[in-house]
C-alpha atoms as a PDB file:
ATOM      1  CA  MET A   1      18.898 -11.197 -44.055  1.00  0.00           C
ATOM      2  CA  GLU A   2      19.990  -8.326 -41.777  1.00  0.00           C
ATOM      3  CA  VAL A   3      18.419  -8.230 -37.853  1.00  0.00           C
ATOM      4  CA  ARG A   4      18.463  -4.861 -36.954  1.00  0.00           C
ATOM      5  CA  ARG A   5      18.669  -4.843 -33.064  1.00  0.00           C
ATOM      6  CA  ASN A   6      16.466  -1.687 -30.781  1.00  0.00           C
ATOM      7  CA  THR A   7      18.531   0.204 -28.749  1.00  0.00           C
ATOM      8  CA  GLY A   8      18.232   3.412 -26.246  1.00  0.00           C
ATOM      9  CA  VAL A   9      14.746   4.130 -26.024  1.00  0.00           C
ATOM     10  CA  THR A  10      13.100   1.362 -28.239  1.00  0.00           C
ATOM     11  CA  LEU A  11      14.468  -1.173 -26.524  1.00  0.00           C
ATOM     12  CA  TYR A  12      13.962  -0.183 -22.753  1.00  0.00           C
ATOM     13  CA  ALA A  13       9.979   0.074 -24.572  1.00  0.00           C
ATOM     14  CA  GLN A  14       9.985  -2.875 -25.439  1.00  0.00           C
ATOM     15  CA  GLN A  15      11.593  -4.644 -22.445  1.00  0.00           C
ATOM     16  CA  PHE A  16       8.672  -3.201 -20.482  1.00  0.00           C
ATOM     17  CA  GLN A  17       6.036  -4.218 -22.756  1.00  0.00           C
ATOM     18  CA  ALA A  18       7.104  -7.726 -22.619  1.00  0.00           C
ATOM     19  CA  LEU A  19       7.699  -7.784 -18.759  1.00  0.00           C
ATOM     20  CA  LEU A  20       4.114  -6.361 -18.732  1.00  0.00           C
ATOM     21  CA  ILE A  21       2.651  -9.076 -21.170  1.00  0.00           C
ATOM     22  CA  LYS A  22       5.059 -11.495 -18.875  1.00  0.00           C
ATOM     23  CA  ARG A  23       2.842 -10.581 -15.884  1.00  0.00           C
ATOM     24  CA  PHE A  24      -0.373 -10.242 -17.821  1.00  0.00           C
ATOM     25  CA  VAL A  25       0.187 -13.953 -19.201  1.00  0.00           C
ATOM     26  CA  ASN A  26       1.173 -15.147 -15.529  1.00  0.00           C
ATOM     27  CA  THR A  27      -1.733 -13.801 -13.921  1.00  0.00           C
ATOM     28  CA  LEU A  28      -4.386 -15.197 -16.624  1.00  0.00           C
ATOM     29  CA  ARG A  29      -2.684 -18.417 -15.571  1.00  0.00           C
ATOM     30  CA  SER A  30      -3.325 -18.033 -11.428  1.00  0.00           C
ATOM     31  CA  ILE A  31      -5.854 -16.184 -11.376  1.00  0.00           C
ATOM     32  CA  ALA A  32      -7.171 -17.171  -7.888  1.00  0.00           C
ATOM     33  CA  LEU A  33      -3.585 -16.930  -6.713  1.00  0.00           C
ATOM     34  CA  SER A  34      -4.055 -12.944  -8.514  1.00  0.00           C
ATOM     35  CA  ILE A  35      -7.493 -12.574  -6.125  1.00  0.00           C
ATOM     36  CA  ALA A  36      -5.791 -13.572  -3.569  1.00  0.00           C
ATOM     37  CA  GLN A  37      -2.921 -11.669  -3.180  1.00  0.00           C
ATOM     38  CA  ILE A  38      -5.640  -8.358  -3.521  1.00  0.00           C
ATOM     39  CA  LEU A  39      -8.320  -9.565  -0.984  1.00  0.00           C
ATOM     40  CA  VAL A  40      -6.329 -10.946   1.687  1.00  0.00           C
ATOM     41  CA  PRO A  41      -4.930  -7.246   2.194  1.00  0.00           C
ATOM     42  CA  VAL A  42      -8.191  -6.106   1.982  1.00  0.00           C
ATOM     43  CA  ILE A  43      -9.718  -8.032   5.114  1.00  0.00           C
ATOM     44  CA  PHE A  44      -7.376  -7.952   6.810  1.00  0.00           C
ATOM     45  CA  THR A  45      -7.290  -4.340   6.932  1.00  0.00           C
ATOM     46  CA  VAL A  46     -10.758  -4.050   7.082  1.00  0.00           C
ATOM     47  CA  LEU A  47     -11.044  -6.756  10.320  1.00  0.00           C
ATOM     48  CA  ALA A  48      -8.615  -4.521  11.711  1.00  0.00           C
ATOM     49  CA  LEU A  49     -10.863  -1.823  11.187  1.00  0.00           C
ATOM     50  CA  VAL A  50     -13.908  -3.248  12.894  1.00  0.00           C
ATOM     51  CA  PHE A  51     -12.092  -4.757  15.798  1.00  0.00           C
ATOM     52  CA  LEU A  52     -10.452  -0.766  16.083  1.00  0.00           C
ATOM     53  CA  VAL A  53     -13.669   0.413  15.898  1.00  0.00           C
ATOM     54  CA  ARG A  54     -15.460  -1.905  18.754  1.00  0.00           C
ATOM     55  CA  SER A  55     -12.667  -1.494  21.226  1.00  0.00           C
ATOM     56  CA  LYS A  56     -13.417   1.276  24.287  1.00  0.00           C
ATOM     57  CA  GLN A  57     -10.028   2.169  24.099  1.00  0.00           C
ATOM     58  CA  SER A  58      -9.973   3.528  20.459  1.00  0.00           C
ATOM     59  CA  GLU A  59      -9.817   6.869  21.630  1.00  0.00           C
ATOM     60  CA  LYS A  60      -6.980   6.468  24.474  1.00  0.00           C
ATOM     61  CA  ILE A  61      -5.404   5.109  21.328  1.00  0.00           C
ATOM     62  CA  LEU A  62      -4.330   8.073  18.868  1.00  0.00           C
ATOM     63  CA  SER A  63      -5.682  11.313  19.046  1.00  0.00           C
ATOM     64  CA  ILE A  64      -5.308  13.634  16.640  1.00  0.00           C
ATOM     65  CA  CYS A  65      -5.605  18.076  17.459  1.00  0.00           C
ATOM     66  CA  ASP A  66      -6.907  20.226  15.304  1.00  0.00           C
ATOM     67  CA  PHE A  67      -3.601  21.744  14.847  1.00  0.00           C
ATOM     68  CA  GLY A  68      -2.124  18.733  12.777  1.00  0.00           C
ATOM     69  CA  LEU A  69       0.089  17.967  16.030  1.00  0.00           C
ATOM     70  CA  LEU A  70      -0.575  14.306  17.765  1.00  0.00           C
ATOM     71  CA  ARG A  71      -0.065  13.255  20.463  1.00  0.00           C
ATOM     72  CA  THR A  72      -0.724   9.667  22.439  1.00  0.00           C
ATOM     73  CA  SER A  73      -2.681  10.563  25.093  1.00  0.00           C
ATOM     74  CA  SER A  74      -2.837   6.818  26.754  1.00  0.00           C
ATOM     75  CA  LEU A  75       1.567   6.948  27.386  1.00  0.00           C
ATOM     76  CA  VAL A  76       2.229  10.796  27.290  1.00  0.00           C
ATOM     77  CA  PRO A  77      -1.447  12.430  28.470  1.00  0.00           C
ATOM     78  CA  LYS A  78      -1.788  15.837  26.911  1.00  0.00           C
ATOM     79  CA  ILE A  79       1.367  16.836  24.984  1.00  0.00           C
ATOM     80  CA  PRO A  80       1.484  17.453  21.470  1.00  0.00           C
ATOM     81  CA  ILE A  81       4.919  15.748  19.661  1.00  0.00           C
ATOM     82  CA  ARG A  82       5.018  17.717  17.514  1.00  0.00           C
ATOM     83  CA  ILE A  83       5.309  16.353  13.543  1.00  0.00           C
ATOM     84  CA  PRO A  84       7.750  18.399  10.946  1.00  0.00           C
ATOM     85  CA  LEU A  85       5.921  19.300   7.477  1.00  0.00           C
ATOM     86  CA  SER A  86       9.293  18.953   5.628  1.00  0.00           C
END
């Protein structure tokens, strides 16, 4: 009985499929860790936004002009910093 080995694109597709299956099995084994990896960044982002909105200095941190220019009014008052688009 002769064993044919995959080569080229077929080999890469097989390796990619095996990697996805391995990740899925690991996710099922540690579901709490997988949920924590998703929820912890979301929770901290929401908390940061809440504290930013509640602080009185939220307007002084960063303001965006109408013309796509960025300025930091607390450091350099009313002087826009041009950001290259490309």
